[in-house]
């Protein structure tokens, strides 16, 4: 009986250790639905209800409709906001001024070239460039958070200049159901 108890105890310890030995791999949070496109569902909340509007004011769909896009593009190894990006960010700033209770996150992205560390730093500079432009155009900076995904979330797959150009970007993300209080 003493041997049986020892084996049972040893087996229980092995099971406990085996259960604790593996950690889940670190994963990124899921990408926002419909990034770069229309709302991905939030705009449909008011769709075709007979109210005459398909978007809810202050929503992500309203942001895309008013600003035209949530994405600005950058040159290779650059975080400079060019004139085309300025025009887009200016429309975004105007929408944010009309919707003062909405907080946004500006995501910085890079193409696949370069190290992970370099691309995270460059993505951060791109996100902050967009944030600073929005803030300099009347948006309260505390409403804007930034995050860099580096090369981890490409908008376009491929290893050519066209894909690289689409992946060098900053995306202003208005959360689904964003028309809550600030």
N, C-alpha and C. Protein backbone atom coordinates (compact mmCIF):
# COMPACT_ATOMS: atom_id res chain seq x y z
N UNK A 1 0.82 -1.18 0.00
CA UNK A 1 0.00 0.00 0.00
C UNK A 1 0.87 1.26 0.00
N UNK A 2 1.99 1.21 0.64
CA UNK A 2 2.88 2.34 0.70
C UNK A 2 3.42 2.67 -0.69
N UNK A 3 3.74 1.63 -1.50
CA UNK A 3 4.19 1.84 -2.88
C UNK A 3 3.09 2.47 -3.72
N UNK A 4 1.88 2.04 -3.53
CA UNK A 4 0.73 2.55 -4.28
C UNK A 4 0.50 4.02 -3.97
N UNK A 5 0.65 4.41 -2.73
CA UNK A 5 0.49 5.80 -2.34
C UNK A 5 1.59 6.66 -2.97
N UNK A 6 2.82 6.15 -2.97
CA UNK A 6 3.93 6.89 -3.57
C UNK A 6 3.70 7.10 -5.06
N UNK A 7 3.26 6.04 -5.75
CA UNK A 7 3.01 6.15 -7.20
C UNK A 7 1.85 7.11 -7.49
N UNK A 8 0.83 7.07 -6.69
CA UNK A 8 -0.31 7.98 -6.88
C UNK A 8 0.11 9.42 -6.65
N UNK A 9 0.90 9.64 -5.62
CA UNK A 9 1.39 10.97 -5.33
C UNK A 9 2.32 11.48 -6.42
N UNK A 10 3.21 10.62 -6.90
CA UNK A 10 4.12 10.99 -7.98
C UNK A 10 3.34 11.30 -9.26
N UNK A 11 2.34 10.50 -9.55
CA UNK A 11 1.50 10.74 -10.74
C UNK A 11 0.75 12.06 -10.64
N UNK A 12 0.22 12.37 -9.48
CA UNK A 12 -0.49 13.63 -9.29
C UNK A 12 0.44 14.82 -9.46
N UNK A 13 1.68 14.68 -8.96
CA UNK A 13 2.65 15.77 -9.12
C UNK A 13 3.03 15.96 -10.58
N UNK A 14 3.19 14.85 -11.31
CA UNK A 14 3.52 14.96 -12.73
C UNK A 14 2.40 15.65 -13.51
N UNK A 15 1.19 15.32 -13.20
CA UNK A 15 0.05 15.95 -13.88
C UNK A 15 -0.01 17.44 -13.55
N UNK A 16 0.23 17.79 -12.31
CA UNK A 16 0.21 19.20 -11.91
C UNK A 16 1.32 19.98 -12.59
N UNK A 17 2.51 19.40 -12.64
CA UNK A 17 3.64 20.08 -13.27
C UNK A 17 3.42 20.19 -14.78
N UNK A 18 2.91 19.14 -15.38
CA UNK A 18 2.66 19.17 -16.83
C UNK A 18 1.61 20.22 -17.17
N UNK A 19 0.62 20.38 -16.32
CA UNK A 19 -0.41 21.38 -16.56
C UNK A 19 0.09 22.80 -16.44
N UNK A 20 1.10 23.03 -15.63
CA UNK A 20 1.65 24.37 -15.42
C UNK A 20 2.84 24.67 -16.31
N UNK A 21 3.39 23.65 -16.95
CA UNK A 21 4.63 23.83 -17.69
C UNK A 21 4.49 24.69 -18.93
N UNK A 22 3.37 24.67 -19.57
CA UNK A 22 3.22 25.41 -20.81
C UNK A 22 2.48 26.72 -20.57
N UNK A 23 3.05 27.77 -21.12
CA UNK A 23 2.39 29.07 -21.08
C UNK A 23 1.81 29.35 -22.45
N UNK A 24 0.71 30.06 -22.47
CA UNK A 24 0.14 30.48 -23.75
C UNK A 24 1.09 31.46 -24.42
N UNK A 25 1.27 31.34 -25.73
CA UNK A 25 2.12 32.31 -26.41
C UNK A 25 1.46 33.69 -26.40
N UNK A 26 2.29 34.71 -26.33
CA UNK A 26 1.76 36.08 -26.36
C UNK A 26 1.15 36.34 -27.73
N UNK A 27 -0.04 36.88 -27.76
CA UNK A 27 -0.69 37.19 -29.02
C UNK A 27 -1.11 38.64 -29.03
N UNK A 28 -1.23 39.17 -30.22
CA UNK A 28 -1.72 40.54 -30.38
C UNK A 28 -3.23 40.54 -30.25
N UNK A 29 -3.81 41.65 -29.81
CA UNK A 29 -5.26 41.73 -29.80
C UNK A 29 -5.76 41.70 -31.23
N UNK A 30 -7.00 41.28 -31.44
CA UNK A 30 -7.50 41.19 -32.81
C UNK A 30 -7.54 42.55 -33.48
N UNK A 31 -7.35 42.56 -34.79
CA UNK A 31 -7.39 43.79 -35.56
C UNK A 31 -8.81 44.34 -35.54
N UNK A 32 -8.96 45.66 -35.53
CA UNK A 32 -10.29 46.24 -35.58
C UNK A 32 -11.00 45.80 -36.85
N UNK A 33 -12.26 45.47 -36.71
CA UNK A 33 -13.04 45.03 -37.86
C UNK A 33 -13.17 46.15 -38.87
N UNK A 34 -12.88 45.85 -40.10
CA UNK A 34 -13.09 46.81 -41.18
C UNK A 34 -12.06 47.92 -41.23
N UNK A 35 -10.87 47.73 -40.67
CA UNK A 35 -9.86 48.78 -40.73
C UNK A 35 -9.59 49.16 -42.16
N UNK A 36 -9.68 50.43 -42.44
CA UNK A 36 -9.45 50.91 -43.79
C UNK A 36 -10.67 50.86 -44.67
N UNK A 37 -11.73 50.30 -44.17
CA UNK A 37 -12.94 50.21 -44.97
C UNK A 37 -14.10 50.75 -44.14
N UNK A 38 -15.29 50.44 -44.55
CA UNK A 38 -16.44 50.92 -43.79
C UNK A 38 -16.53 50.20 -42.47
N UNK A 39 -17.49 50.54 -41.71
CA UNK A 39 -17.62 50.23 -40.31
C UNK A 39 -17.53 48.76 -39.93
N UNK A 40 -17.87 47.82 -40.74
CA UNK A 40 -17.82 46.43 -40.35
C UNK A 40 -18.96 46.06 -39.44
N UNK A 41 -20.04 46.80 -39.46
CA UNK A 41 -21.21 46.41 -38.69
C UNK A 41 -21.78 47.49 -37.81
N UNK A 42 -20.96 48.38 -37.27
CA UNK A 42 -21.49 49.35 -36.33
C UNK A 42 -22.43 50.33 -37.01
N UNK A 43 -22.18 50.65 -38.26
CA UNK A 43 -23.04 51.57 -38.97
C UNK A 43 -24.38 50.97 -39.30
N UNK A 44 -24.48 49.65 -39.28
CA UNK A 44 -25.73 49.01 -39.63
C UNK A 44 -26.75 49.09 -38.51
N UNK A 45 -26.33 49.56 -37.32
CA UNK A 45 -27.26 49.66 -36.20
C UNK A 45 -28.42 50.60 -36.52
N UNK A 46 -28.15 51.64 -37.29
CA UNK A 46 -29.21 52.55 -37.66
C UNK A 46 -29.63 52.38 -39.10
N UNK A 47 -29.15 51.34 -39.75
CA UNK A 47 -29.40 51.16 -41.17
C UNK A 47 -30.84 50.81 -41.47
N UNK A 48 -31.39 51.51 -42.41
CA UNK A 48 -32.71 51.23 -42.96
C UNK A 48 -33.78 51.05 -41.90
N UNK A 49 -33.80 51.94 -40.92
CA UNK A 49 -34.82 51.89 -39.89
C UNK A 49 -35.96 52.84 -40.19
N UNK A 50 -35.90 53.42 -41.39
CA UNK A 50 -36.92 54.39 -41.74
C UNK A 50 -36.56 55.78 -41.24
N UNK A 51 -35.43 55.94 -40.59
CA UNK A 51 -35.02 57.22 -40.04
C UNK A 51 -34.33 58.07 -41.10
N UNK A 52 -33.99 57.48 -42.25
CA UNK A 52 -33.38 58.24 -43.33
C UNK A 52 -31.87 58.30 -43.28
N UNK A 53 -31.23 57.66 -42.31
CA UNK A 53 -29.78 57.69 -42.20
C UNK A 53 -29.25 56.29 -42.02
N UNK A 54 -28.13 56.02 -42.67
CA UNK A 54 -27.53 54.69 -42.51
C UNK A 54 -26.37 54.71 -41.54
N UNK A 55 -25.96 55.87 -41.06
CA UNK A 55 -24.88 55.94 -40.09
C UNK A 55 -25.32 56.69 -38.84
N UNK A 56 -24.76 56.28 -37.73
CA UNK A 56 -25.05 56.92 -36.46
C UNK A 56 -24.02 58.03 -36.25
N UNK A 57 -24.46 59.27 -35.99
CA UNK A 57 -23.50 60.35 -35.75
C UNK A 57 -22.54 59.98 -34.62
N UNK A 58 -21.25 60.25 -34.84
CA UNK A 58 -20.24 59.93 -33.84
C UNK A 58 -19.71 58.51 -33.93
N UNK A 59 -20.23 57.71 -34.87
CA UNK A 59 -19.80 56.32 -35.00
C UNK A 59 -18.60 56.21 -35.94
N UNK A 60 -18.04 55.03 -35.98
CA UNK A 60 -16.93 54.75 -36.89
C UNK A 60 -17.35 54.95 -38.34
N UNK A 61 -18.54 54.50 -38.69
CA UNK A 61 -19.04 54.67 -40.06
C UNK A 61 -19.19 56.15 -40.40
N UNK A 62 -19.65 56.94 -39.44
CA UNK A 62 -19.78 58.38 -39.65
C UNK A 62 -18.40 59.01 -39.85
N UNK A 63 -17.42 58.56 -39.09
CA UNK A 63 -16.05 59.05 -39.24
C UNK A 63 -15.53 58.79 -40.65
N UNK A 64 -15.70 57.58 -41.14
CA UNK A 64 -15.23 57.22 -42.48
C UNK A 64 -15.97 58.04 -43.53
N UNK A 65 -17.28 58.17 -43.35
CA UNK A 65 -18.09 58.93 -44.32
C UNK A 65 -17.67 60.39 -44.38
N UNK A 66 -17.37 60.99 -43.23
CA UNK A 66 -17.03 62.41 -43.19
C UNK A 66 -15.56 62.67 -43.54
N UNK A 67 -14.67 61.83 -43.02
CA UNK A 67 -13.23 62.05 -43.24
C UNK A 67 -12.76 61.45 -44.56
N UNK A 68 -13.50 60.52 -45.11
CA UNK A 68 -13.12 59.89 -46.37
C UNK A 68 -12.32 58.63 -46.18
N UNK A 69 -11.43 58.62 -45.21
CA UNK A 69 -10.62 57.45 -44.91
C UNK A 69 -10.06 57.58 -43.50
N UNK A 70 -9.67 56.44 -42.97
CA UNK A 70 -9.05 56.46 -41.65
C UNK A 70 -7.54 56.28 -41.73
N UNK A 71 -7.00 56.24 -42.96
CA UNK A 71 -5.60 55.88 -43.18
C UNK A 71 -4.83 56.97 -43.90
N UNK A 72 -3.62 57.24 -43.40
CA UNK A 72 -2.67 58.10 -44.11
C UNK A 72 -1.43 57.27 -44.38
N UNK A 73 -0.81 57.53 -45.52
CA UNK A 73 0.36 56.76 -45.95
C UNK A 73 1.63 57.58 -45.78
N UNK A 74 2.76 56.87 -45.65
CA UNK A 74 4.06 57.49 -45.45
C UNK A 74 5.05 56.97 -46.47
N UNK A 75 6.11 57.73 -46.66
CA UNK A 75 7.21 57.29 -47.51
C UNK A 75 8.08 56.26 -46.80
N UNK A 76 8.98 55.66 -47.55
CA UNK A 76 9.90 54.67 -47.00
C UNK A 76 10.75 55.29 -45.89
N UNK A 77 10.83 54.60 -44.77
CA UNK A 77 11.62 55.04 -43.61
C UNK A 77 11.29 56.46 -43.17
N UNK A 78 10.05 56.88 -43.33
CA UNK A 78 9.67 58.25 -43.01
C UNK A 78 8.45 58.29 -42.10
N UNK A 79 8.42 59.31 -41.28
CA UNK A 79 7.24 59.59 -40.47
C UNK A 79 6.75 61.01 -40.73
N UNK A 80 7.22 61.60 -41.84
CA UNK A 80 6.80 62.95 -42.22
C UNK A 80 5.40 62.92 -42.81
N UNK A 81 4.57 63.85 -42.37
CA UNK A 81 3.19 63.96 -42.87
C UNK A 81 3.23 64.83 -44.12
N UNK A 82 3.03 64.21 -45.30
CA UNK A 82 3.06 64.97 -46.55
C UNK A 82 1.74 65.69 -46.78
N UNK A 83 1.64 66.43 -47.87
CA UNK A 83 0.46 67.25 -48.12
C UNK A 83 -0.81 66.42 -48.28
N UNK A 84 -0.71 65.26 -48.90
CA UNK A 84 -1.90 64.39 -49.04
C UNK A 84 -2.36 63.89 -47.67
N UNK A 85 -1.42 63.47 -46.84
CA UNK A 85 -1.76 63.02 -45.49
C UNK A 85 -2.32 64.17 -44.65
N UNK A 86 -1.78 65.38 -44.85
CA UNK A 86 -2.30 66.54 -44.11
C UNK A 86 -3.75 66.81 -44.45
N UNK A 87 -4.12 66.68 -45.72
CA UNK A 87 -5.50 66.91 -46.12
C UNK A 87 -6.44 65.89 -45.46
N UNK A 88 -6.00 64.64 -45.41
CA UNK A 88 -6.82 63.59 -44.77
C UNK A 88 -6.92 63.85 -43.28
N UNK A 89 -5.80 64.13 -42.64
CA UNK A 89 -5.81 64.37 -41.19
C UNK A 89 -6.60 65.62 -40.83
N UNK A 90 -6.60 66.61 -41.70
CA UNK A 90 -7.39 67.81 -41.45
C UNK A 90 -8.89 67.48 -41.43
N UNK A 91 -9.34 66.63 -42.36
CA UNK A 91 -10.75 66.19 -42.35
C UNK A 91 -11.05 65.38 -41.09
N UNK A 92 -10.09 64.55 -40.68
CA UNK A 92 -10.29 63.78 -39.45
C UNK A 92 -10.37 64.71 -38.24
N UNK A 93 -9.53 65.73 -38.20
CA UNK A 93 -9.55 66.69 -37.09
C UNK A 93 -10.88 67.43 -37.04
N UNK A 94 -11.40 67.80 -38.21
CA UNK A 94 -12.69 68.49 -38.24
C UNK A 94 -13.79 67.58 -37.69
N UNK A 95 -13.78 66.31 -38.04
CA UNK A 95 -14.78 65.37 -37.53
C UNK A 95 -14.61 65.23 -36.02
N UNK A 96 -13.39 65.12 -35.55
CA UNK A 96 -13.15 64.97 -34.12
C UNK A 96 -13.59 66.21 -33.34
N UNK A 97 -13.45 67.39 -33.94
CA UNK A 97 -13.93 68.62 -33.29
C UNK A 97 -15.45 68.63 -33.20
N UNK A 98 -16.12 68.08 -34.20
CA UNK A 98 -17.59 68.00 -34.17
C UNK A 98 -18.08 66.94 -33.19
N UNK A 99 -17.22 66.00 -32.83
CA UNK A 99 -17.57 64.89 -31.94
C UNK A 99 -16.61 64.86 -30.76
N UNK A 100 -16.72 65.85 -29.86
CA UNK A 100 -15.73 66.00 -28.79
C UNK A 100 -15.73 64.89 -27.74
N UNK A 101 -16.72 64.02 -27.74
CA UNK A 101 -16.75 62.94 -26.75
C UNK A 101 -16.09 61.67 -27.25
N UNK A 102 -15.60 61.66 -28.46
CA UNK A 102 -15.02 60.45 -29.04
C UNK A 102 -13.51 60.44 -28.84
N UNK A 103 -13.02 59.33 -28.31
CA UNK A 103 -11.58 59.09 -28.18
C UNK A 103 -11.17 58.20 -29.35
N UNK A 104 -9.95 58.37 -29.82
CA UNK A 104 -9.45 57.56 -30.92
C UNK A 104 -8.08 57.00 -30.58
N UNK A 105 -7.70 55.98 -31.32
CA UNK A 105 -6.36 55.42 -31.25
C UNK A 105 -5.74 55.53 -32.62
N UNK A 106 -4.54 56.05 -32.69
CA UNK A 106 -3.81 56.11 -33.95
C UNK A 106 -2.80 54.97 -33.94
N UNK A 107 -2.95 54.08 -34.91
CA UNK A 107 -2.07 52.93 -35.04
C UNK A 107 -0.97 53.23 -36.05
N UNK A 108 0.28 52.93 -35.70
CA UNK A 108 1.39 53.08 -36.62
C UNK A 108 1.78 51.73 -37.19
N UNK A 109 1.97 51.68 -38.51
CA UNK A 109 2.30 50.43 -39.19
C UNK A 109 3.48 50.63 -40.14
N UNK A 110 4.16 49.54 -40.47
CA UNK A 110 5.31 49.56 -41.37
C UNK A 110 5.21 48.41 -42.36
N UNK A 111 6.06 48.48 -43.39
CA UNK A 111 6.15 47.33 -44.29
C UNK A 111 7.06 46.28 -43.65
N UNK A 112 7.22 45.16 -44.31
CA UNK A 112 7.91 44.02 -43.71
C UNK A 112 9.43 44.15 -43.65
N UNK A 113 9.97 45.13 -44.32
CA UNK A 113 11.43 45.28 -44.33
C UNK A 113 11.91 45.87 -43.01
N UNK A 114 13.08 45.51 -42.59
CA UNK A 114 13.64 46.03 -41.34
C UNK A 114 13.37 45.08 -40.18
N UNK A 115 14.06 45.32 -39.09
CA UNK A 115 13.90 44.47 -37.91
C UNK A 115 12.60 44.79 -37.20
N UNK A 116 12.20 43.89 -36.35
CA UNK A 116 10.97 44.09 -35.57
C UNK A 116 11.10 45.36 -34.72
N UNK A 117 12.23 45.52 -34.06
CA UNK A 117 12.44 46.66 -33.18
C UNK A 117 12.43 47.98 -33.96
N UNK A 118 13.10 47.99 -35.10
CA UNK A 118 13.13 49.21 -35.92
C UNK A 118 11.72 49.57 -36.37
N UNK A 119 10.96 48.58 -36.83
CA UNK A 119 9.62 48.85 -37.33
C UNK A 119 8.66 49.28 -36.23
N UNK A 120 8.82 48.73 -35.02
CA UNK A 120 7.99 49.19 -33.91
C UNK A 120 8.27 50.66 -33.60
N UNK A 121 9.55 51.04 -33.62
CA UNK A 121 9.92 52.44 -33.36
C UNK A 121 9.41 53.35 -34.47
N UNK A 122 9.54 52.92 -35.73
CA UNK A 122 9.07 53.72 -36.85
C UNK A 122 7.54 53.83 -36.83
N UNK A 123 6.86 52.75 -36.52
CA UNK A 123 5.39 52.80 -36.40
C UNK A 123 4.96 53.76 -35.32
N UNK A 124 5.71 53.80 -34.21
CA UNK A 124 5.41 54.74 -33.13
C UNK A 124 5.61 56.18 -33.59
N UNK A 125 6.67 56.44 -34.34
CA UNK A 125 6.90 57.79 -34.85
C UNK A 125 5.78 58.19 -35.81
N UNK A 126 5.32 57.27 -36.65
CA UNK A 126 4.23 57.57 -37.59
C UNK A 126 2.94 57.86 -36.85
N UNK A 127 2.61 57.05 -35.86
CA UNK A 127 1.40 57.28 -35.09
C UNK A 127 1.47 58.63 -34.37
N UNK A 128 2.61 58.94 -33.79
CA UNK A 128 2.76 60.22 -33.09
C UNK A 128 2.75 61.41 -34.04
N UNK A 129 3.26 61.24 -35.25
CA UNK A 129 3.18 62.33 -36.25
C UNK A 129 1.73 62.64 -36.57
N UNK A 130 0.93 61.60 -36.76
CA UNK A 130 -0.49 61.80 -37.04
C UNK A 130 -1.19 62.43 -35.83
N UNK A 131 -0.88 61.93 -34.64
CA UNK A 131 -1.48 62.48 -33.42
C UNK A 131 -1.11 63.95 -33.27
N UNK A 132 0.15 64.29 -33.45
CA UNK A 132 0.58 65.68 -33.30
C UNK A 132 -0.09 66.59 -34.31
N UNK A 133 -0.30 66.10 -35.54
CA UNK A 133 -1.00 66.91 -36.53
C UNK A 133 -2.45 67.15 -36.10
N UNK A 134 -3.11 66.10 -35.63
CA UNK A 134 -4.49 66.26 -35.17
C UNK A 134 -4.55 67.25 -34.00
N UNK A 135 -3.61 67.11 -33.05
CA UNK A 135 -3.59 68.00 -31.89
C UNK A 135 -3.30 69.44 -32.30
N UNK A 136 -2.44 69.64 -33.28
CA UNK A 136 -2.13 71.00 -33.73
C UNK A 136 -3.29 71.62 -34.49
N UNK A 137 -4.27 70.82 -34.83
CA UNK A 137 -5.46 71.32 -35.52
C UNK A 137 -6.69 71.26 -34.64
N UNK A 138 -6.49 71.41 -33.33
CA UNK A 138 -7.60 71.64 -32.42
C UNK A 138 -8.18 70.43 -31.71
N UNK A 139 -7.59 69.25 -31.86
CA UNK A 139 -8.10 68.06 -31.16
C UNK A 139 -7.31 67.92 -29.86
N UNK A 140 -8.03 67.81 -28.77
CA UNK A 140 -7.41 67.66 -27.46
C UNK A 140 -6.56 66.39 -27.45
N UNK A 141 -5.27 66.53 -27.19
CA UNK A 141 -4.32 65.42 -27.32
C UNK A 141 -4.64 64.25 -26.39
N UNK A 142 -5.25 64.51 -25.25
CA UNK A 142 -5.58 63.43 -24.32
C UNK A 142 -6.65 62.48 -24.88
N UNK A 143 -7.35 62.90 -25.92
CA UNK A 143 -8.36 62.05 -26.56
C UNK A 143 -7.73 61.06 -27.53
N UNK A 144 -6.45 61.21 -27.81
CA UNK A 144 -5.78 60.41 -28.83
C UNK A 144 -4.71 59.54 -28.19
N UNK A 145 -4.87 58.24 -28.30
CA UNK A 145 -3.80 57.34 -27.85
C UNK A 145 -3.10 56.80 -29.08
N UNK A 146 -1.88 56.35 -28.90
CA UNK A 146 -1.11 55.81 -30.02
C UNK A 146 -0.60 54.42 -29.68
N UNK A 147 -0.45 53.61 -30.72
CA UNK A 147 0.13 52.28 -30.58
C UNK A 147 0.85 51.95 -31.88
N UNK A 148 1.94 51.23 -31.75
CA UNK A 148 2.67 50.80 -32.94
C UNK A 148 2.56 49.29 -33.07
N UNK A 149 2.21 48.85 -34.26
CA UNK A 149 2.20 47.42 -34.55
C UNK A 149 3.37 47.04 -35.44
N UNK A 150 4.20 48.00 -35.81
CA UNK A 150 5.35 47.70 -36.66
C UNK A 150 4.90 47.00 -37.92
N UNK A 151 5.50 45.86 -38.19
CA UNK A 151 5.15 45.11 -39.40
C UNK A 151 4.20 43.95 -39.12
N UNK A 152 3.64 43.89 -37.90
CA UNK A 152 2.84 42.75 -37.47
C UNK A 152 1.45 42.67 -38.08
N UNK A 153 0.90 43.76 -38.59
CA UNK A 153 -0.46 43.76 -39.15
C UNK A 153 -0.48 44.41 -40.52
N UNK A 154 0.02 43.72 -41.52
CA UNK A 154 0.04 44.33 -42.86
C UNK A 154 -1.36 44.49 -43.43
N UNK A 155 -1.56 45.58 -44.14
CA UNK A 155 -2.83 45.80 -44.84
C UNK A 155 -2.84 45.04 -46.16
N UNK A 156 -1.66 44.90 -46.74
CA UNK A 156 -1.53 44.21 -48.02
C UNK A 156 -0.44 43.15 -47.88
N UNK A 157 -0.73 41.96 -48.39
CA UNK A 157 0.29 40.92 -48.39
C UNK A 157 1.11 41.04 -49.66
N UNK A 158 2.31 40.59 -49.60
CA UNK A 158 3.18 40.66 -50.76
C UNK A 158 4.48 41.34 -50.41
N UNK A 159 5.46 41.09 -51.24
CA UNK A 159 6.79 41.67 -51.02
C UNK A 159 7.19 42.49 -52.23
N UNK A 160 6.31 43.42 -52.60
CA UNK A 160 6.59 44.30 -53.73
C UNK A 160 6.29 45.74 -53.32
N UNK A 161 6.67 46.68 -54.18
CA UNK A 161 6.53 48.09 -53.84
C UNK A 161 5.08 48.49 -53.57
N UNK A 162 4.13 47.90 -54.29
CA UNK A 162 2.72 48.25 -54.08
C UNK A 162 2.25 47.83 -52.69
N UNK A 163 2.62 46.64 -52.26
CA UNK A 163 2.24 46.18 -50.92
C UNK A 163 2.96 46.99 -49.85
N UNK A 164 4.24 47.25 -50.07
CA UNK A 164 5.00 48.05 -49.10
C UNK A 164 4.35 49.42 -48.91
N UNK A 165 3.94 50.06 -50.00
CA UNK A 165 3.35 51.40 -49.93
C UNK A 165 2.06 51.40 -49.11
N UNK A 166 1.24 50.34 -49.23
CA UNK A 166 -0.01 50.26 -48.48
C UNK A 166 0.23 49.99 -47.00
N UNK A 167 1.34 49.36 -46.68
CA UNK A 167 1.63 48.99 -45.29
C UNK A 167 2.32 50.08 -44.50
N UNK A 168 2.87 51.10 -45.15
CA UNK A 168 3.51 52.23 -44.47
C UNK A 168 2.41 53.25 -44.15
N UNK A 169 1.79 53.12 -42.98
CA UNK A 169 0.58 53.89 -42.72
C UNK A 169 0.37 54.18 -41.24
N UNK A 170 -0.53 55.14 -41.01
CA UNK A 170 -1.10 55.39 -39.69
C UNK A 170 -2.60 55.32 -39.87
N UNK A 171 -3.27 54.61 -38.97
CA UNK A 171 -4.72 54.41 -39.06
C UNK A 171 -5.36 55.01 -37.81
N UNK A 172 -6.32 55.90 -38.02
CA UNK A 172 -7.07 56.48 -36.91
C UNK A 172 -8.28 55.60 -36.66
N UNK A 173 -8.32 54.97 -35.51
CA UNK A 173 -9.37 54.00 -35.20
C UNK A 173 -10.38 54.63 -34.24
N UNK A 174 -11.60 54.70 -34.71
CA UNK A 174 -12.72 55.13 -33.87
C UNK A 174 -13.38 53.84 -33.38
N UNK A 175 -13.43 53.60 -32.09
CA UNK A 175 -14.00 52.35 -31.60
C UNK A 175 -15.47 52.22 -31.99
N UNK A 176 -15.90 50.98 -32.18
CA UNK A 176 -17.31 50.72 -32.45
C UNK A 176 -18.10 51.18 -31.23
N UNK A 177 -19.17 51.89 -31.46
CA UNK A 177 -19.96 52.43 -30.35
C UNK A 177 -19.26 53.59 -29.67
N UNK A 178 -18.50 54.36 -30.45
CA UNK A 178 -17.66 55.42 -29.89
C UNK A 178 -18.41 56.64 -29.43
N UNK A 179 -19.68 56.76 -29.72
CA UNK A 179 -20.35 58.01 -29.38
C UNK A 179 -20.79 58.04 -27.91
N UNK A 180 -19.94 57.49 -27.04
CA UNK A 180 -20.16 57.55 -25.60
C UNK A 180 -19.51 58.81 -25.03
N UNK A 181 -19.45 58.89 -23.73
CA UNK A 181 -18.92 60.12 -23.12
C UNK A 181 -17.42 60.08 -22.99
N UNK A 182 -16.83 61.25 -22.93
CA UNK A 182 -15.37 61.42 -22.82
C UNK A 182 -14.97 61.50 -21.38
